Amino acid sequence: EILHGANIEGFWIEVVRGHYHMGFLYRIVGLYLLVPFFVKIVESRAL
C-alpha cells in the first residue's frame, strides 16, 4: 500500500488491522479459544 502511495504514518495501524480479508483470522482465533466450551456442548445432541 505504501509503494502505491499510502501514508507511511498509518503503517502500523494498517498492520494491526490487516488487509480487509484478514479480519476473518481475528474471528477464527476467537472461535479456537472457545473450542473447549464448544466440545462440551456437542457431546450432547440435545444441548
ModelCIF file with pLDDT and N, C-alpha, C, O atoms, coordinates in Angstrom:
data_MODEL
#
_entry.id   MODEL 
#
_entity.id                         1 
_entity.type                       polymer 
_entity.pdbx_number_of_molecules   1 
#
_entity_poly.entity_id                      1 
_entity_poly.type                           'polypeptide(L)' 
_entity_poly.nstd_linkage                   no 
_entity_poly.nstd_monomer                   no 
_entity_poly.pdbx_seq_one_letter_code       EILHGANIEGFWIEVVRGHYHMGFLYRIVGLYLLVPFFVKIVESRAL 
_entity_poly.pdbx_seq_one_letter_code_can   EILHGANIEGFWIEVVRGHYHMGFLYRIVGLYLLVPFFVKIVESRAL 
_entity_poly.pdbx_strand_id                 A 
#
loop_
_entity_poly_seq.entity_id 
_entity_poly_seq.num 
_entity_poly_seq.mon_id 
_entity_poly_seq.hetero 
1 1  GLU n 
1 2  ILE n 
1 3  LEU n 
1 4  HIS n 
1 5  GLY n 
1 6  ALA n 
1 7  ASN n 
1 8  ILE n 
1 9  GLU n 
1 10 GLY n 
1 11 PHE n 
1 12 TRP n 
1 13 ILE n 
1 14 GLU n 
1 15 VAL n 
1 16 VAL n 
1 17 ARG n 
1 18 GLY n 
1 19 HIS n 
1 20 TYR n 
1 21 HIS n 
1 22 MET n 
1 23 GLY n 
1 24 PHE n 
1 25 LEU n 
1 26 TYR n 
1 27 ARG n 
1 28 ILE n 
1 29 VAL n 
1 30 GLY n 
1 31 LEU n 
1 32 TYR n 
1 33 LEU n 
1 34 LEU n 
1 35 VAL n 
1 36 PRO n 
1 37 PHE n 
1 38 PHE n 
1 39 VAL n 
1 40 LYS n 
1 41 ILE n 
1 42 VAL n 
1 43 GLU n 
1 44 SER n 
1 45 ARG n 
1 46 ALA n 
1 47 LEU n 
#
_struct_asym.id          A 
_struct_asym.entity_id   1 
#
loop_
_ma_qa_metric.id 
_ma_qa_metric.mode 
_ma_qa_metric.name 
_ma_qa_metric.software_group_id 
_ma_qa_metric.type 
1 global pLDDT . pLDDT 
2 local  pLDDT . pLDDT 
#
_ma_qa_metric_global.metric_id      1 
_ma_qa_metric_global.metric_value   89.74 
_ma_qa_metric_global.model_id       1 
_ma_qa_metric_global.ordinal_id     1 
#
loop_
_ma_qa_metric_local.label_asym_id 
_ma_qa_metric_local.label_comp_id 
_ma_qa_metric_local.label_seq_id 
_ma_qa_metric_local.metric_id 
_ma_qa_metric_local.metric_value 
_ma_qa_metric_local.model_id 
_ma_qa_metric_local.ordinal_id 
A GLU 1  2 88.00 1 1  
A ILE 2  2 88.00 1 2  
A LEU 3  2 86.00 1 3  
A HIS 4  2 81.00 1 4  
A GLY 5  2 76.00 1 5  
A ALA 6  2 74.00 1 6  
A ASN 7  2 80.00 1 7  
A ILE 8  2 81.00 1 8  
A GLU 9  2 79.00 1 9  
A GLY 10 2 79.00 1 10 
A PHE 11 2 88.00 1 11 
A TRP 12 2 89.00 1 12 
A ILE 13 2 89.00 1 13 
A GLU 14 2 88.00 1 14 
A VAL 15 2 91.00 1 15 
A VAL 16 2 92.00 1 16 
A ARG 17 2 90.00 1 17 
A GLY 18 2 90.00 1 18 
A HIS 19 2 92.00 1 19 
A TYR 20 2 91.00 1 20 
A HIS 21 2 92.00 1 21 
A MET 22 2 92.00 1 22 
A GLY 23 2 90.00 1 23 
A PHE 24 2 92.00 1 24 
A LEU 25 2 94.00 1 25 
A TYR 26 2 93.00 1 26 
A ARG 27 2 91.00 1 27 
A ILE 28 2 93.00 1 28 
A VAL 29 2 93.00 1 29 
A GLY 30 2 91.00 1 30 
A LEU 31 2 92.00 1 31 
A TYR 32 2 93.00 1 32 
A LEU 33 2 92.00 1 33 
A LEU 34 2 92.00 1 34 
A VAL 35 2 93.00 1 35 
A PRO 36 2 92.00 1 36 
A PHE 37 2 93.00 1 37 
A PHE 38 2 94.00 1 38 
A VAL 39 2 94.00 1 39 
A LYS 40 2 93.00 1 40 
A ILE 41 2 94.00 1 41 
A VAL 42 2 94.00 1 42 
A GLU 43 2 93.00 1 43 
A SER 44 2 93.00 1 44 
A ARG 45 2 94.00 1 45 
A ALA 46 2 94.00 1 46 
A LEU 47 2 95.00 1 47 
#
loop_
_atom_site.group_PDB 
_atom_site.id 
_atom_site.type_symbol 
_atom_site.label_atom_id 
_atom_site.label_alt_id 
_atom_site.label_comp_id 
_atom_site.label_asym_id 
_atom_site.label_entity_id 
_atom_site.label_seq_id 
_atom_site.pdbx_PDB_ins_code 
_atom_site.Cartn_x 
_atom_site.Cartn_y 
_atom_site.Cartn_z 
_atom_site.occupancy 
_atom_site.B_iso_or_equiv 
_atom_site.pdbx_formal_charge 
_atom_site.auth_seq_id 
_atom_site.auth_comp_id 
_atom_site.auth_asym_id 
_atom_site.auth_atom_id 
_atom_site.pdbx_PDB_model_num 
ATOM 1   N N  . GLU A 1 1  ? 0.828   -1.207  0.000  1.00 88.00 ? 1  GLU A N  1 
ATOM 2   C CA . GLU A 1 1  ? 0.000   0.000   0.000  1.00 88.00 ? 1  GLU A CA 1 
ATOM 3   C C  . GLU A 1 1  ? 0.862   1.258   0.000  1.00 88.00 ? 1  GLU A C  1 
ATOM 4   O O  . GLU A 1 1  ? 0.544   2.239   -0.672 1.00 88.00 ? 1  GLU A O  1 
ATOM 5   N N  . ILE A 1 2  ? 1.953   1.222   0.757  1.00 88.00 ? 2  ILE A N  1 
ATOM 6   C CA . ILE A 1 2  ? 2.870   2.368   0.799  1.00 88.00 ? 2  ILE A CA 1 
ATOM 7   C C  . ILE A 1 2  ? 3.528   2.571   -0.562 1.00 88.00 ? 2  ILE A C  1 
ATOM 8   O O  . ILE A 1 2  ? 3.685   3.706   -1.012 1.00 88.00 ? 2  ILE A O  1 
ATOM 9   N N  . LEU A 1 3  ? 3.911   1.487   -1.214 1.00 86.00 ? 3  LEU A N  1 
ATOM 10  C CA . LEU A 1 3  ? 4.507   1.582   -2.551 1.00 86.00 ? 3  LEU A CA 1 
ATOM 11  C C  . LEU A 1 3  ? 3.543   2.214   -3.551 1.00 86.00 ? 3  LEU A C  1 
ATOM 12  O O  . LEU A 1 3  ? 3.965   2.826   -4.532 1.00 86.00 ? 3  LEU A O  1 
ATOM 13  N N  . HIS A 1 4  ? 2.254   2.061   -3.293 1.00 81.00 ? 4  HIS A N  1 
ATOM 14  C CA . HIS A 1 4  ? 1.247   2.644   -4.173 1.00 81.00 ? 4  HIS A CA 1 
ATOM 15  C C  . HIS A 1 4  ? 0.761   4.011   -3.679 1.00 81.00 ? 4  HIS A C  1 
ATOM 16  O O  . HIS A 1 4  ? -0.247  4.535   -4.152 1.00 81.00 ? 4  HIS A O  1 
ATOM 17  N N  . GLY A 1 5  ? 1.502   4.574   -2.717 1.00 76.00 ? 5  GLY A N  1 
ATOM 18  C CA . GLY A 1 5  ? 1.213   5.953   -2.318 1.00 76.00 ? 5  GLY A CA 1 
ATOM 19  C C  . GLY A 1 5  ? 0.494   6.147   -1.006 1.00 76.00 ? 5  GLY A C  1 
ATOM 20  O O  . GLY A 1 5  ? 0.129   7.278   -0.685 1.00 76.00 ? 5  GLY A O  1 
ATOM 21  N N  . ALA A 1 6  ? 0.271   5.101   -0.229 1.00 74.00 ? 6  ALA A N  1 
ATOM 22  C CA . ALA A 1 6  ? -0.407  5.242   1.057  1.00 74.00 ? 6  ALA A CA 1 
ATOM 23  C C  . ALA A 1 6  ? 0.477   6.001   2.046  1.00 74.00 ? 6  ALA A C  1 
ATOM 24  O O  . ALA A 1 6  ? 1.698   6.036   1.897  1.00 74.00 ? 6  ALA A O  1 
ATOM 25  N N  . ASN A 1 7  ? -0.147  6.602   3.049  1.00 80.00 ? 7  ASN A N  1 
ATOM 26  C CA . ASN A 1 7  ? 0.574   7.384   4.053  1.00 80.00 ? 7  ASN A CA 1 
ATOM 27  C C  . ASN A 1 7  ? 1.368   6.448   4.968  1.00 80.00 ? 7  ASN A C  1 
ATOM 28  O O  . ASN A 1 7  ? 0.801   5.547   5.585  1.00 80.00 ? 7  ASN A O  1 
ATOM 29  N N  . ILE A 1 8  ? 2.676   6.666   5.049  1.00 81.00 ? 8  ILE A N  1 
ATOM 30  C CA . ILE A 1 8  ? 3.541   5.800   5.858  1.00 81.00 ? 8  ILE A CA 1 
ATOM 31  C C  . ILE A 1 8  ? 3.237   5.933   7.348  1.00 81.00 ? 8  ILE A C  1 
ATOM 32  O O  . ILE A 1 8  ? 3.529   5.025   8.127  1.00 81.00 ? 8  ILE A O  1 
ATOM 33  N N  . GLU A 1 9  ? 2.646   7.075   7.748  1.00 79.00 ? 9  GLU A N  1 
ATOM 34  C CA . GLU A 1 9  ? 2.339   7.283   9.167  1.00 79.00 ? 9  GLU A CA 1 
ATOM 35  C C  . GLU A 1 9  ? 1.286   6.293   9.670  1.00 79.00 ? 9  GLU A C  1 
ATOM 36  O O  . GLU A 1 9  ? 1.239   5.992   10.863 1.00 79.00 ? 9  GLU A O  1 
ATOM 37  N N  . GLY A 1 10 ? 0.464   5.800   8.790  1.00 79.00 ? 10 GLY A N  1 
ATOM 38  C CA . GLY A 1 10 ? -0.567  4.851   9.207  1.00 79.00 ? 10 GLY A CA 1 
ATOM 39  C C  . GLY A 1 10 ? -0.162  3.401   9.038  1.00 79.00 ? 10 GLY A C  1 
ATOM 40  O O  . GLY A 1 10 ? -1.000  2.501   9.087  1.00 79.00 ? 10 GLY A O  1 
ATOM 41  N N  . PHE A 1 11 ? 1.157   3.177   8.834  1.00 88.00 ? 11 PHE A N  1 
ATOM 42  C CA . PHE A 1 11 ? 1.652   1.828   8.540  1.00 88.00 ? 11 PHE A CA 1 
ATOM 43  C C  . PHE A 1 11 ? 1.271   0.818   9.617  1.00 88.00 ? 11 PHE A C  1 
ATOM 44  O O  . PHE A 1 11 ? 0.691   -0.225  9.315  1.00 88.00 ? 11 PHE A O  1 
ATOM 45  N N  . TRP A 1 12 ? 1.596   1.124   10.876 1.00 89.00 ? 12 TRP A N  1 
ATOM 46  C CA . TRP A 1 12 ? 1.370   0.144   11.943 1.00 89.00 ? 12 TRP A CA 1 
ATOM 47  C C  . TRP A 1 12 ? -0.114  -0.047  12.260 1.00 89.00 ? 12 TRP A C  1 
ATOM 48  O O  . TRP A 1 12 ? -0.528  -1.113  12.715 1.00 89.00 ? 12 TRP A O  1 
ATOM 49  N N  . ILE A 1 13 ? -0.901  0.987   12.018 1.00 89.00 ? 13 ILE A N  1 
ATOM 50  C CA . ILE A 1 13 ? -2.351  0.827   12.187 1.00 89.00 ? 13 ILE A CA 1 
ATOM 51  C C  . ILE A 1 13 ? -2.881  -0.179  11.178 1.00 89.00 ? 13 ILE A C  1 
ATOM 52  O O  . ILE A 1 13 ? -3.700  -1.039  11.500 1.00 89.00 ? 13 ILE A O  1 
ATOM 53  N N  . GLU A 1 14 ? -2.388  -0.048  9.934  1.00 88.00 ? 14 GLU A N  1 
ATOM 54  C CA . GLU A 1 14 ? -2.807  -0.987  8.887  1.00 88.00 ? 14 GLU A CA 1 
ATOM 55  C C  . GLU A 1 14 ? -2.314  -2.404  9.168  1.00 88.00 ? 14 GLU A C  1 
ATOM 56  O O  . GLU A 1 14 ? -2.998  -3.378  8.852  1.00 88.00 ? 14 GLU A O  1 
ATOM 57  N N  . VAL A 1 15 ? -1.137  -2.514  9.757  1.00 91.00 ? 15 VAL A N  1 
ATOM 58  C CA . VAL A 1 15 ? -0.598  -3.843  10.099 1.00 91.00 ? 15 VAL A CA 1 
ATOM 59  C C  . VAL A 1 15 ? -1.485  -4.520  11.135 1.00 91.00 ? 15 VAL A C  1 
ATOM 60  O O  . VAL A 1 15 ? -1.808  -5.701  11.010 1.00 91.00 ? 15 VAL A O  1 
ATOM 61  N N  . VAL A 1 16 ? -1.875  -3.768  12.156 1.00 92.00 ? 16 VAL A N  1 
ATOM 62  C CA . VAL A 1 16 ? -2.718  -4.344  13.210 1.00 92.00 ? 16 VAL A CA 1 
ATOM 63  C C  . VAL A 1 16 ? -4.100  -4.698  12.674 1.00 92.00 ? 16 VAL A C  1 
ATOM 64  O O  . VAL A 1 16 ? -4.649  -5.751  12.998 1.00 92.00 ? 16 VAL A O  1 
ATOM 65  N N  . ARG A 1 17 ? -4.652  -3.819  11.861 1.00 90.00 ? 17 ARG A N  1 
ATOM 66  C CA . ARG A 1 17 ? -5.970  -4.096  11.280 1.00 90.00 ? 17 ARG A CA 1 
ATOM 67  C C  . ARG A 1 17 ? -5.913  -5.251  10.296 1.00 90.00 ? 17 ARG A C  1 
ATOM 68  O O  . ARG A 1 17 ? -6.820  -6.081  10.234 1.00 90.00 ? 17 ARG A O  1 
ATOM 69  N N  . GLY A 1 18 ? -4.831  -5.289  9.529  1.00 90.00 ? 18 GLY A N  1 
ATOM 70  C CA . GLY A 1 18 ? -4.717  -6.280  8.474  1.00 90.00 ? 18 GLY A CA 1 
ATOM 71  C C  . GLY A 1 18 ? -5.516  -5.872  7.246  1.00 90.00 ? 18 GLY A C  1 
ATOM 72  O O  . GLY A 1 18 ? -6.415  -5.036  7.331  1.00 90.00 ? 18 GLY A O  1 
ATOM 73  N N  . HIS A 1 19 ? -5.192  -6.451  6.133  1.00 92.00 ? 19 HIS A N  1 
ATOM 74  C CA . HIS A 1 19 ? -5.969  -6.212  4.912  1.00 92.00 ? 19 HIS A CA 1 
ATOM 75  C C  . HIS A 1 19 ? -7.393  -6.689  5.169  1.00 92.00 ? 19 HIS A C  1 
ATOM 76  O O  . HIS A 1 19 ? -7.613  -7.535  6.036  1.00 92.00 ? 19 HIS A O  1 
ATOM 77  N N  . TYR A 1 20 ? -8.375  -6.152  4.415  1.00 91.00 ? 20 TYR A N  1 
ATOM 78  C CA . TYR A 1 20 ? -9.779  -6.375  4.788  1.00 91.00 ? 20 TYR A CA 1 
ATOM 79  C C  . TYR A 1 20 ? -10.169 -7.847  4.865  1.00 91.00 ? 20 TYR A C  1 
ATOM 80  O O  . TYR A 1 20 ? -11.020 -8.208  5.678  1.00 91.00 ? 20 TYR A O  1 
ATOM 81  N N  . HIS A 1 21 ? -9.575  -8.704  4.045  1.00 92.00 ? 21 HIS A N  1 
ATOM 82  C CA . HIS A 1 21 ? -9.962  -10.119 4.092  1.00 92.00 ? 21 HIS A CA 1 
ATOM 83  C C  . HIS A 1 21 ? -9.369  -10.846 5.287  1.00 92.00 ? 21 HIS A C  1 
ATOM 84  O O  . HIS A 1 21 ? -9.805  -11.947 5.624  1.00 92.00 ? 21 HIS A O  1 
ATOM 85  N N  . MET A 1 22 ? -8.366  -10.232 5.937  1.00 92.00 ? 22 MET A N  1 
ATOM 86  C CA . MET A 1 22 ? -7.697  -10.885 7.051  1.00 92.00 ? 22 MET A CA 1 
ATOM 87  C C  . MET A 1 22 ? -8.432  -10.702 8.375  1.00 92.00 ? 22 MET A C  1 
ATOM 88  O O  . MET A 1 22 ? -8.039  -11.274 9.392  1.00 92.00 ? 22 MET A O  1 
ATOM 89  N N  . GLY A 1 23 ? -9.501  -9.903  8.364  1.00 90.00 ? 23 GLY A N  1 
ATOM 90  C CA . GLY A 1 23 ? -10.328 -9.811  9.558  1.00 90.00 ? 23 GLY A CA 1 
ATOM 91  C C  . GLY A 1 23 ? -10.910 -11.163 9.938  1.00 90.00 ? 23 GLY A C  1 
ATOM 92  O O  . GLY A 1 23 ? -11.233 -11.402 11.101 1.00 90.00 ? 23 GLY A O  1 
ATOM 93  N N  . PHE A 1 24 ? -11.044 -12.043 8.958  1.00 92.00 ? 24 PHE A N  1 
ATOM 94  C CA . PHE A 1 24 ? -11.532 -13.402 9.206  1.00 92.00 ? 24 PHE A CA 1 
ATOM 95  C C  . PHE A 1 24 ? -10.632 -14.138 10.202 1.00 92.00 ? 24 PHE A C  1 
ATOM 96  O O  . PHE A 1 24 ? -11.105 -14.964 10.981 1.00 92.00 ? 24 PHE A O  1 
ATOM 97  N N  . LEU A 1 25 ? -9.336  -13.833 10.169 1.00 94.00 ? 25 LEU A N  1 
ATOM 98  C CA . LEU A 1 25 ? -8.393  -14.526 11.059 1.00 94.00 ? 25 LEU A CA 1 
ATOM 99  C C  . LEU A 1 25 ? -8.629  -14.154 12.514 1.00 94.00 ? 25 LEU A C  1 
ATOM 100 O O  . LEU A 1 25 ? -8.505  -15.005 13.395 1.00 94.00 ? 25 LEU A O  1 
ATOM 101 N N  . TYR A 1 26 ? -8.967  -12.889 12.781 1.00 93.00 ? 26 TYR A N  1 
ATOM 102 C CA . TYR A 1 26 ? -9.320  -12.493 14.145 1.00 93.00 ? 26 TYR A CA 1 
ATOM 103 C C  . TYR A 1 26 ? -10.513 -13.314 14.631 1.00 93.00 ? 26 TYR A C  1 
ATOM 104 O O  . TYR A 1 26 ? -10.531 -13.803 15.761 1.00 93.00 ? 26 TYR A O  1 
ATOM 105 N N  . ARG A 1 27 ? -11.491 -13.453 13.768 1.00 91.00 ? 27 ARG A N  1 
ATOM 106 C CA . ARG A 1 27 ? -12.721 -14.153 14.149 1.00 91.00 ? 27 ARG A CA 1 
ATOM 107 C C  . ARG A 1 27 ? -12.473 -15.646 14.364 1.00 91.00 ? 27 ARG A C  1 
ATOM 108 O O  . ARG A 1 27 ? -13.052 -16.251 15.266 1.00 91.00 ? 27 ARG A O  1 
ATOM 109 N N  . ILE A 1 28 ? -11.617 -16.234 13.539 1.00 93.00 ? 28 ILE A N  1 
ATOM 110 C CA . ILE A 1 28 ? -11.374 -17.676 13.647 1.00 93.00 ? 28 ILE A CA 1 
ATOM 111 C C  . ILE A 1 28 ? -10.545 -17.986 14.901 1.00 93.00 ? 28 ILE A C  1 
ATOM 112 O O  . ILE A 1 28 ? -10.737 -19.031 15.523 1.00 93.00 ? 28 ILE A O  1 
ATOM 113 N N  . VAL A 1 29 ? -9.623  -17.083 15.275 1.00 93.00 ? 29 VAL A N  1 
ATOM 114 C CA . VAL A 1 29 ? -8.866  -17.271 16.519 1.00 93.00 ? 29 VAL A CA 1 
ATOM 115 C C  . VAL A 1 29 ? -9.805  -17.227 17.710 1.00 93.00 ? 29 VAL A C  1 
ATOM 116 O O  . VAL A 1 29 ? -9.660  -18.006 18.653 1.00 93.00 ? 29 VAL A O  1 
ATOM 117 N N  . GLY A 1 30 ? -10.778 -16.308 17.668 1.00 91.00 ? 30 GLY A N  1 
ATOM 118 C CA . GLY A 1 30 ? -11.778 -16.237 18.736 1.00 91.00 ? 30 GLY A CA 1 
ATOM 119 C C  . GLY A 1 30 ? -12.530 -17.551 18.883 1.00 91.00 ? 30 GLY A C  1 
ATOM 120 O O  . GLY A 1 30 ? -12.809 -17.990 19.999 1.00 91.00 ? 30 GLY A O  1 
ATOM 121 N N  . LEU A 1 31 ? -12.857 -18.178 17.760 1.00 92.00 ? 31 LEU A N  1 
ATOM 122 C CA . LEU A 1 31 ? -13.538 -19.479 17.805 1.00 92.00 ? 31 LEU A CA 1 
ATOM 123 C C  . LEU A 1 31 ? -12.639 -20.557 18.404 1.00 92.00 ? 31 LEU A C  1 
ATOM 124 O O  . LEU A 1 31 ? -13.089 -21.371 19.209 1.00 92.00 ? 31 LEU A O  1 
ATOM 125 N N  . TYR A 1 32 ? -11.376 -20.558 18.010 1.00 93.00 ? 32 TYR A N  1 
ATOM 126 C CA . TYR A 1 32 ? -10.447 -21.575 18.526 1.00 93.00 ? 32 TYR A CA 1 
ATOM 127 C C  . TYR A 1 32 ? -10.301 -21.475 20.042 1.00 93.00 ? 32 TYR A C  1 
ATOM 128 O O  . TYR A 1 32 ? -10.186 -22.491 20.728 1.00 93.00 ? 32 TYR A O  1 
ATOM 129 N N  . LEU A 1 33 ? -10.307 -20.241 20.565 1.00 92.00 ? 33 LEU A N  1 
ATOM 130 C CA . LEU A 1 33 ? -10.190 -20.062 22.011 1.00 92.00 ? 33 LEU A CA 1 
ATOM 131 C C  . LEU A 1 33 ? -11.404 -20.612 22.757 1.00 92.00 ? 33 LEU A C  1 
ATOM 132 O O  . LEU A 1 33 ? -11.310 -20.963 23.933 1.00 92.00 ? 33 LEU A O  1 
ATOM 133 N N  . LEU A 1 34 ? -12.545 -20.683 22.066 1.00 92.00 ? 34 LEU A N  1 
ATOM 134 C CA . LEU A 1 34 ? -13.774 -21.186 22.687 1.00 92.00 ? 34 LEU A CA 1 
ATOM 135 C C  . LEU A 1 34 ? -13.994 -22.678 22.464 1.00 92.00 ? 34 LEU A C  1 
ATOM 136 O O  . LEU A 1 34 ? -14.981 -23.237 22.943 1.00 92.00 ? 34 LEU A O  1 
ATOM 137 N N  . VAL A 1 35 ? -13.090 -23.321 21.747 1.00 93.00 ? 35 VAL A N  1 
ATOM 138 C CA . VAL A 1 35 ? -13.265 -24.749 21.426 1.00 93.00 ? 35 VAL A CA 1 
ATOM 139 C C  . VAL A 1 35 ? -13.524 -25.619 22.659 1.00 93.00 ? 35 VAL A C  1 
ATOM 140 O O  . VAL A 1 35 ? -14.412 -26.471 22.606 1.00 93.00 ? 35 VAL A O  1 
ATOM 141 N N  . PRO A 1 36 ? -12.789 -25.447 23.774 1.00 92.00 ? 36 PRO A N  1 
ATOM 142 C CA . PRO A 1 36 ? -13.066 -26.298 24.946 1.00 92.00 ? 36 PRO A CA 1 
ATOM 143 C C  . PRO A 1 36 ? -14.518 -26.230 25.416 1.00 92.00 ? 36 PRO A C  1 
ATOM 144 O O  . PRO A 1 36 ? -15.062 -27.226 25.893 1.00 92.00 ? 36 PRO A O  1 
ATOM 145 N N  . PHE A 1 37 ? -15.157 -25.050 25.282 1.00 93.00 ? 37 PHE A N  1 
ATOM 146 C CA . PHE A 1 37 ? -16.567 -24.916 25.653 1.00 93.00 ? 37 PHE A CA 1 
ATOM 147 C C  . PHE A 1 37 ? -17.468 -25.594 24.629 1.00 93.00 ? 37 PHE A C  1 
ATOM 148 O O  . PHE A 1 37 ? -18.422 -26.285 24.986 1.00 93.00 ? 37 PHE A O  1 
ATOM 149 N N  . PHE A 1 38 ? -17.154 -25.388 23.348 1.00 94.00 ? 38 PHE A N  1 
ATOM 150 C CA . PHE A 1 38 ? -17.965 -25.993 22.295 1.00 94.00 ? 38 PHE A CA 1 
ATOM 151 C C  . PHE A 1 38 ? -17.913 -27.519 22.345 1.00 94.00 ? 38 PHE A C  1 
ATOM 152 O O  . PHE A 1 38 ? -18.902 -28.195 22.064 1.00 94.00 ? 38 PHE A O  1 
ATOM 153 N N  . VAL A 1 39 ? -16.747 -28.048 22.705 1.00 94.00 ? 39 VAL A N  1 
ATOM 154 C CA . VAL A 1 39 ? -16.592 -29.508 22.798 1.00 94.00 ? 39 VAL A CA 1 
ATOM 155 C C  . VAL A 1 39 ? -17.582 -30.082 23.811 1.00 94.00 ? 39 VAL A C  1 
ATOM 156 O O  . VAL A 1 39 ? -18.191 -31.124 23.572 1.00 94.00 ? 39 VAL A O  1 
ATOM 157 N N  . LYS A 1 40 ? -17.734 -29.407 24.921 1.00 93.00 ? 40 LYS A N  1 
ATOM 158 C CA . LYS A 1 40 ? -18.687 -29.860 25.947 1.00 93.00 ? 40 LYS A CA 1 
ATOM 159 C C  . LYS A 1 40 ? -20.123 -29.769 25.443 1.00 93.00 ? 40 LYS A C  1 
ATOM 160 O O  . LYS A 1 40 ? -20.955 -30.619 25.760 1.00 93.00 ? 40 LYS A O  1 
ATOM 161 N N  . ILE A 1 41 ? -20.404 -28.744 24.664 1.00 94.00 ? 41 ILE A N  1 
ATOM 162 C CA . ILE A 1 41 ? -21.762 -28.580 24.129 1.00 94.00 ? 41 ILE A CA 1 
ATOM 163 C C  . ILE A 1 41 ? -22.104 -29.708 23.166 1.00 94.00 ? 41 ILE A C  1 
ATOM 164 O O  . ILE A 1 41 ? -23.182 -30.295 23.260 1.00 94.00 ? 41 ILE A O  1 
ATOM 165 N N  . VAL A 1 42 ? -21.197 -30.020 22.237 1.00 94.00 ? 42 VAL A N  1 
ATOM 166 C CA . VAL A 1 42 ? -21.516 -31.005 21.199 1.00 94.00 ? 42 VAL A CA 1 
ATOM 167 C C  . VAL A 1 42 ? -21.465 -32.448 21.700 1.00 94.00 ? 42 VAL A C  1 
ATOM 168 O O  . VAL A 1 42 ? -21.815 -33.369 20.962 1.00 94.00 ? 42 VAL A O  1 
ATOM 169 N N  . GLU A 1 43 ? -21.038 -32.651 22.933 1.00 93.00 ? 43 GLU A N  1 
ATOM 170 C CA . GLU A 1 43 ? -21.101 -34.002 23.499 1.00 93.00 ? 43 GLU A CA 1 
ATOM 171 C C  . GLU A 1 43 ? -22.547 -34.447 23.692 1.00 93.00 ? 43 GLU A C  1 
ATOM 172 O O  . GLU A 1 43 ? -22.832 -35.643 23.752 1.00 93.00 ? 43 GLU A O  1 
ATOM 173 N N  . SER A 1 44 ? -23.447 -33.492 23.787 1.00 93.00 ? 44 SER A N  1 
ATOM 174 C CA . SER A 1 44 ? -24.868 -33.790 23.950 1.00 93.00 ? 44 SER A CA 1 
ATOM 175 C C  . SER A 1 44 ? -25.632 -33.318 22.717 1.00 93.00 ? 44 SER A C  1 
ATOM 176 O O  . SER A 1 44 ? -25.527 -32.158 22.319 1.00 93.00 ? 44 SER A O  1 
ATOM 177 N N  . ARG A 1 45 ? -26.391 -34.212 22.122 1.00 94.00 ? 45 ARG A N  1 
ATOM 178 C CA . ARG A 1 45 ? -27.190 -33.839 20.949 1.00 94.00 ? 45 ARG A CA 1 
ATOM 179 C C  . ARG A 1 45 ? -28.247 -32.798 21.334 1.00 94.00 ? 45 ARG A C  1 
ATOM 180 O O  . ARG A 1 45 ? -28.490 -31.851 20.586 1.00 94.00 ? 45 ARG A O  1 
ATOM 181 N N  . ALA A 1 46 ? -28.871 -32.977 22.502 1.00 94.00 ? 46 ALA A N  1 
ATOM 182 C CA . ALA A 1 46 ? -29.912 -32.040 22.947 1.00 94.00 ? 46 ALA A CA 1 
ATOM 183 C C  . ALA A 1 46 ? -29.326 -30.645 23.174 1.00 94.00 ? 46 ALA A C  1 
ATOM 184 O O  . ALA A 1 46 ? -29.925 -29.640 22.792 1.00 94.00 ? 46 ALA A O  1 
ATOM 185 N N  . LEU A 1 47 ? -28.146 -30.600 23.802 1.00 95.00 ? 47 LEU A N  1 
ATOM 186 C CA . LEU A 1 47 ? -27.507 -29.312 24.079 1.00 95.00 ? 47 LEU A CA 1 
ATOM 187 C C  . LEU A 1 47 ? -27.063 -28.634 22.782 1.00 95.00 ? 47 LEU A C  1 
ATOM 188 O O  . LEU A 1 47 ? -26.504 -27.538 22.818 1.00 95.00 ? 47 LEU A O  1 
#
